[in-house]
Amino acid sequence: MPVEPTPRRRRLGAELRRIREALGWTQEEEEEASRLGYRSFSTVSKIEKGVQGLKIQQLPHFFEVYEITEPGLREGLRDLVRRAGEPNWWQRYEGVVDDPLGDYLSLVESASSLFVFNPAAIHGLLQTPQYCRAVTEGSRAWRTPQDIDGFVSMRQEHQTNMLERDPALKIWAVLPEGLLRQEVGGRPVMRAQINHLIDLARTVPNITIQVLPHRVGAHAGMDGPFMLMSFPNGRDLVCIESMRASLHLNEPEAVEAYRTTSDLLKSDALSQKASLPLLTTIAKDLE
C-alpha cells in the first residue's frame, strides 16, 4: 500500500539502498526483487524511496537477504520501521519545515554525535535566540515576519530537544575566529552569543568548542561548510547544506575524506581550554 514518504521512511529506504548497493549485486533487477520475494523491482524501488511501507515482520527476511548481521544496524532499522508513521513534532510548523529540512531534523535526532564546521554562521544548536533571529532575517529567504517567527521558534524547539535529550548528543564545533568577530545582529547580540559559547564550553560536557585563529592561514576547511554525523549503528554521514538544498554523502570514501578534514581542523584549531581566553578577548572587544 502507498504510504506517506516521511523522513523516517526515506531514511529507512536510503539505508536499505546503500546496503543493497554495497553487496555489489550484478544480476538483473528482477532477480534482485525475487530474492526479497517481490515480483517486480519497482516494489523494491518504492520501499527505497519511502513511498511503500515495511512491516516489522518483514525485516528478518531483509536481514537474511541483505546479510545484515550487525546488532546495532538491525536495531536501528527496526526503530525506523516501528516509528515510520509517527508524527514529527515539526509538523506543527506547517510552511516552515519542508524537505530537505525535515530530513535533516530527523537525522540529527537519531545521531549520536556531530562534528560541525561552518565559516558563515555558528551552528543552530549553539545559537542564542537573538543570534538565530539575526541570521534568519539576514538570509532574506522569508516572505513575512510571521515566517521568520515560525522558523526561529522551530529552531529553538529543536535546540532544546537536542540539548536536553538522553542519551546526550555530542557536539564538536570548530569556529573560525573571523566568524566570531562578525557582528551579527550588532555588538550586544554578538557579545551575548560569544558569552553563550563560553558558558557551553565550560558547563556542558558533551559540547566541545574550538576556535580556529586567524594566524592559521589556509586550512583544511577552505572547501566550505560541512557536518559529519555519527549514528549508534556505526554508520557515518556527511551533510552539506545550502539555502535550498541539502546534500547527504554516505559513500565510505567521501565520508573518510571529510573525517580526515575534521581531524585536520581539530589539529589546526586551539584546544577548547586554549580557546576560552580568545573567546573572552573577543567578547571584551565587542563591549
Protein backbone atom coordinates (compact mmCIF):
# COMPACT_ATOMS: atom_id res chain seq x y z
CA MET A 1 0.00 0.00 0.00
CA PRO A 2 1.29 3.51 -0.82
CA VAL A 3 2.27 5.49 2.27
CA GLU A 4 3.40 8.99 3.10
CA PRO A 5 7.18 9.30 2.48
CA THR A 6 8.01 10.51 6.00
CA PRO A 7 11.62 11.34 6.90
CA ARG A 8 11.98 8.03 8.76
CA ARG A 9 10.67 6.03 5.79
CA ARG A 10 13.05 7.87 3.47
CA ARG A 11 15.95 7.18 5.84
CA LEU A 12 14.99 3.50 6.02
CA GLY A 13 14.84 3.31 2.22
CA ALA A 14 18.13 5.11 1.79
CA GLU A 15 19.82 2.75 4.25
CA LEU A 16 18.41 -0.33 2.52
CA ARG A 17 19.53 1.01 -0.85
CA ARG A 18 23.03 1.65 0.49
CA ILE A 19 23.21 -1.89 1.86
CA ARG A 20 21.91 -3.40 -1.38
CA GLU A 21 24.42 -1.46 -3.48
CA ALA A 22 27.26 -2.37 -1.09
CA LEU A 23 26.56 -6.05 -1.78
CA GLY A 24 27.71 -5.46 -5.33
CA TRP A 25 24.89 -7.42 -6.92
CA THR A 26 25.39 -7.64 -10.68
CA GLN A 27 22.25 -9.62 -11.56
CA GLU A 28 19.27 -8.12 -13.32
CA GLU A 29 16.99 -6.00 -11.18
CA GLU A 30 14.17 -8.52 -11.45
CA GLU A 31 16.42 -11.18 -9.91
CA GLU A 32 17.22 -8.83 -7.04
CA ALA A 33 13.49 -8.33 -6.47
CA SER A 34 12.86 -12.07 -6.45
CA ARG A 35 15.43 -12.51 -3.68
CA LEU A 36 13.19 -10.39 -1.49
CA GLY A 37 10.02 -12.15 -2.62
CA TYR A 38 8.71 -9.38 -4.89
CA ARG A 39 7.52 -9.83 -8.47
CA SER A 40 8.97 -6.55 -9.69
CA PHE A 41 11.92 -4.37 -8.80
CA SER A 42 9.54 -1.41 -8.78
CA THR A 43 8.35 -2.59 -5.37
CA VAL A 44 11.92 -2.52 -4.05
CA SER A 45 12.37 0.93 -5.59
CA LYS A 46 9.22 2.22 -3.85
CA ILE A 47 10.48 0.96 -0.49
CA GLU A 48 13.83 2.66 -1.09
CA LYS A 49 12.06 5.92 -1.94
CA GLY A 50 9.91 5.72 1.19
CA VAL A 51 6.58 5.54 -0.65
CA GLN A 52 5.87 1.92 0.28
CA GLY A 53 5.97 0.75 3.87
CA LEU A 54 7.56 -2.25 5.53
CA LYS A 55 6.18 -4.26 8.42
CA ILE A 56 8.37 -5.26 11.32
CA GLN A 57 7.64 -8.92 10.48
CA GLN A 58 9.32 -8.48 7.08
CA LEU A 59 12.64 -7.30 8.47
CA PRO A 60 14.13 -10.72 9.35
CA HIS A 61 13.86 -11.68 5.68
CA PHE A 62 15.60 -8.44 4.66
CA PHE A 63 18.30 -9.10 7.25
CA GLU A 64 18.91 -12.54 5.77
CA VAL A 65 18.88 -11.49 2.11
CA TYR A 66 20.96 -8.36 2.70
CA GLU A 67 23.33 -10.18 5.06
CA ILE A 68 22.71 -7.70 7.86
CA THR A 69 24.27 -9.21 10.97
CA GLU A 70 25.40 -6.14 12.93
CA PRO A 71 23.13 -5.85 16.02
CA GLY A 72 23.26 -2.04 16.10
CA LEU A 73 22.26 -1.72 12.46
CA ARG A 74 19.45 -4.25 12.87
CA GLU A 75 18.03 -2.38 15.83
CA GLY A 76 18.34 0.94 14.02
CA LEU A 77 16.31 -0.41 11.08
CA ARG A 78 13.72 -1.88 13.45
CA ASP A 79 13.33 1.50 15.13
CA LEU A 80 12.81 3.23 11.78
CA VAL A 81 10.09 0.72 10.85
CA ARG A 82 8.36 0.96 14.26
CA ARG A 83 8.30 4.76 14.19
CA ALA A 84 7.82 5.25 10.44
CA GLY A 85 4.31 6.63 10.76
CA GLU A 86 4.72 8.62 13.97
CA PRO A 87 4.02 12.34 13.63
CA ASN A 88 7.09 14.53 13.94
CA TRP A 89 6.98 17.50 16.31
CA TRP A 90 7.93 19.85 13.48
CA GLN A 91 4.69 19.10 11.64
CA ARG A 92 3.23 21.88 13.79
CA TYR A 93 5.35 24.31 11.77
CA GLU A 94 3.46 23.95 8.51
CA GLY A 95 5.03 26.03 5.76
CA VAL A 96 8.26 26.40 7.76
CA VAL A 97 9.64 22.86 7.77
CA ASP A 98 9.67 21.33 4.30
CA ASP A 99 12.08 18.94 2.64
CA PRO A 100 15.05 18.78 2.93
CA LEU A 101 14.84 20.42 6.37
CA GLY A 102 12.56 17.69 7.72
CA ASP A 103 15.07 15.03 6.68
CA TYR A 104 17.87 16.99 8.35
CA LEU A 105 15.95 17.33 11.63
CA SER A 106 15.20 13.61 11.62
CA LEU A 107 18.86 12.76 11.04
CA VAL A 108 20.07 14.99 13.88
CA GLU A 109 17.51 13.45 16.25
CA SER A 110 18.88 9.96 15.65
CA ALA A 111 22.59 10.91 15.56
CA SER A 112 24.91 10.15 18.45
CA SER A 113 27.45 12.86 17.62
CA LEU A 114 28.03 15.79 15.27
CA PHE A 115 31.17 17.50 14.04
CA VAL A 116 30.26 20.90 12.59
CA PHE A 117 32.28 23.39 10.60
CA ASN A 118 30.66 26.44 9.01
CA PRO A 119 32.62 29.65 8.39
CA ALA A 120 29.39 31.56 7.63
CA ALA A 121 27.33 31.06 10.81
CA ILE A 122 27.51 29.44 14.23
CA HIS A 123 25.63 26.14 14.20
CA GLY A 124 21.96 26.35 15.14
CA LEU A 125 22.31 24.11 18.20
CA LEU A 126 24.81 26.60 19.67
CA GLN A 127 22.94 29.83 18.82
CA THR A 128 21.23 32.26 21.16
CA PRO A 129 17.65 33.21 20.14
CA GLN A 130 18.79 36.73 19.23
CA TYR A 131 21.65 35.48 17.05
CA CYS A 132 19.30 32.95 15.42
CA ARG A 133 16.83 35.72 14.58
CA ALA A 134 19.57 37.96 13.16
CA VAL A 135 20.89 35.16 10.93
CA THR A 136 17.36 34.29 9.79
CA GLU A 137 16.48 37.90 8.98
CA GLY A 138 19.78 38.37 7.17
CA SER A 139 19.19 35.41 4.88
CA ARG A 140 16.39 37.28 3.05
CA ALA A 141 14.74 33.89 2.42
CA TRP A 142 11.47 34.72 4.18
CA ARG A 143 8.40 36.50 2.86
CA THR A 144 6.75 37.75 6.05
CA PRO A 145 7.67 38.48 9.70
CA GLN A 146 5.43 35.54 10.65
CA ASP A 147 7.62 33.22 8.57
CA ILE A 148 10.67 34.44 10.49
CA ASP A 149 8.91 34.00 13.84
CA GLY A 150 7.91 30.45 12.91
CA PHE A 151 11.39 29.47 11.79
CA VAL A 152 13.07 30.93 14.88
CA SER A 153 10.56 29.17 17.16
CA MET A 154 11.14 25.88 15.36
CA ARG A 155 14.93 26.21 15.64
CA GLN A 156 14.71 26.97 19.36
CA GLU A 157 12.44 23.98 20.00
CA HIS A 158 14.82 21.75 18.05
CA GLN A 159 17.76 23.10 20.05
CA THR A 160 16.02 22.47 23.37
CA ASN A 161 15.06 18.93 22.34
CA MET A 162 18.60 18.08 21.27
CA LEU A 163 20.46 19.66 24.20
CA GLU A 164 18.17 18.04 26.77
CA ARG A 165 17.83 14.61 25.21
CA ASP A 166 19.01 11.37 26.80
CA PRO A 167 21.44 9.97 25.76
CA ALA A 168 23.20 13.27 25.24
CA LEU A 169 24.08 14.38 21.72
CA LYS A 170 27.83 15.01 21.43
CA ILE A 171 28.64 18.20 19.51
CA TRP A 172 32.13 19.19 18.38
CA ALA A 173 32.39 22.58 16.67
CA VAL A 174 35.40 24.30 15.11
CA LEU A 175 34.67 28.02 14.75
CA PRO A 176 36.87 30.34 12.65
CA GLU A 177 37.94 33.49 14.51
CA GLY A 178 36.60 35.65 11.69
CA LEU A 179 33.12 34.16 12.18
CA LEU A 180 33.23 35.09 15.86
CA ARG A 181 34.21 38.68 15.09
CA GLN A 182 31.41 39.16 12.55
CA GLU A 183 28.95 41.49 14.31
CA VAL A 184 25.80 39.52 13.50
CA GLY A 185 22.80 41.38 14.97
CA GLY A 186 25.06 44.13 16.31
CA ARG A 187 27.67 44.14 19.05
CA PRO A 188 25.36 43.37 22.02
CA VAL A 189 23.85 40.34 20.25
CA MET A 190 27.25 39.04 19.17
CA ARG A 191 28.77 39.58 22.60
CA ALA A 192 25.92 37.61 24.18
CA GLN A 193 26.48 34.85 21.61
CA ILE A 194 30.20 34.63 22.43
CA ASN A 195 29.44 34.50 26.16
CA HIS A 196 26.92 31.72 25.44
CA LEU A 197 29.64 29.72 23.69
CA ILE A 198 31.95 30.24 26.67
CA ASP A 199 29.23 29.01 29.02
CA LEU A 200 28.56 25.92 26.88
CA ALA A 201 32.26 25.07 26.69
CA ARG A 202 32.66 25.39 30.46
CA THR A 203 29.48 23.69 31.67
CA VAL A 204 28.26 21.14 29.09
CA PRO A 205 30.49 18.04 28.99
CA ASN A 206 29.15 16.75 25.67
CA ILE A 207 29.94 20.01 23.80
CA THR A 208 33.45 20.78 22.54
CA ILE A 209 34.21 24.20 21.07
CA GLN A 210 37.49 25.05 19.37
CA VAL A 211 38.47 28.36 17.79
CA LEU A 212 40.42 28.38 14.53
CA PRO A 213 42.58 31.53 14.90
CA HIS A 214 43.42 33.95 12.09
CA ARG A 215 47.10 33.07 12.29
CA VAL A 216 46.47 29.53 10.99
CA GLY A 217 46.04 30.93 7.48
CA ALA A 218 44.99 28.36 4.86
CA HIS A 219 43.34 25.33 6.43
CA ALA A 220 41.58 22.05 5.58
CA GLY A 221 38.09 23.57 5.76
CA MET A 222 38.51 26.04 2.95
CA ASP A 223 36.37 23.92 0.63
CA GLY A 224 33.33 25.02 2.64
CA PRO A 225 30.93 24.06 5.44
CA PHE A 226 30.00 20.50 6.33
CA MET A 227 28.66 18.39 9.15
CA LEU A 228 29.85 14.88 9.94
CA MET A 229 27.13 12.85 11.66
CA SER A 230 27.75 9.61 13.54
CA PHE A 231 24.99 7.17 14.48
CA PRO A 232 24.61 4.43 17.10
CA ASN A 233 24.71 1.78 14.37
CA GLY A 234 28.25 2.84 13.47
CA ARG A 235 27.33 4.48 10.16
CA ASP A 236 28.58 7.99 9.42
CA LEU A 237 27.04 10.55 7.10
CA VAL A 238 28.22 13.89 5.74
CA CYS A 239 25.66 16.68 5.37
CA ILE A 240 26.38 19.72 3.19
CA GLU A 241 23.68 22.39 3.43
CA SER A 242 22.80 25.34 1.25
CA MET A 243 19.83 27.72 1.22
CA ARG A 244 17.52 25.49 -0.82
CA ALA A 245 19.19 22.08 -0.84
CA SER A 246 20.92 19.57 1.38
CA LEU A 247 23.43 17.01 0.11
CA HIS A 248 23.92 13.79 2.07
CA LEU A 249 27.03 11.69 1.42
CA ASN A 250 27.36 8.19 2.84
CA GLU A 251 29.86 6.59 0.47
CA PRO A 252 32.79 5.32 2.57
CA GLU A 253 35.40 7.18 0.50
CA ALA A 254 33.58 10.51 0.78
CA VAL A 255 32.92 10.08 4.50
CA GLU A 256 36.56 9.22 5.12
CA ALA A 257 37.71 12.32 3.23
CA TYR A 258 35.55 14.55 5.42
CA ARG A 259 36.62 12.69 8.56
CA THR A 260 40.23 13.47 7.64
CA THR A 261 39.24 17.11 7.10
CA SER A 262 37.59 17.25 10.52
CA ASP A 263 40.70 15.77 12.15
CA LEU A 264 42.91 18.36 10.44
CA LEU A 265 40.63 21.19 11.56
CA LYS A 266 40.72 19.92 15.14
CA SER A 267 44.51 19.81 14.94
CA ASP A 268 44.83 23.33 13.47
CA ALA A 269 42.39 24.91 15.94
CA LEU A 270 43.16 25.89 19.51
CA SER A 271 42.20 23.33 22.13
CA GLN A 272 38.98 24.02 23.99
CA LYS A 273 40.98 25.16 27.02
CA ALA A 274 43.12 27.48 24.90
CA SER A 275 40.05 28.72 23.02
CA LEU A 276 38.39 30.14 26.14
CA PRO A 277 40.82 33.08 26.61
CA LEU A 278 40.43 34.03 22.93
CA LEU A 279 36.64 33.85 23.21
CA THR A 280 36.82 36.06 26.30
CA THR A 281 39.02 38.56 24.45
CA ILE A 282 36.59 38.68 21.52
CA ALA A 283 33.67 39.25 23.90
CA LYS A 284 35.55 42.17 25.52
CA ASP A 285 36.40 43.62 22.10
CA LEU A 286 32.64 43.73 21.42
CA GLU A 287 31.86 45.82 24.50
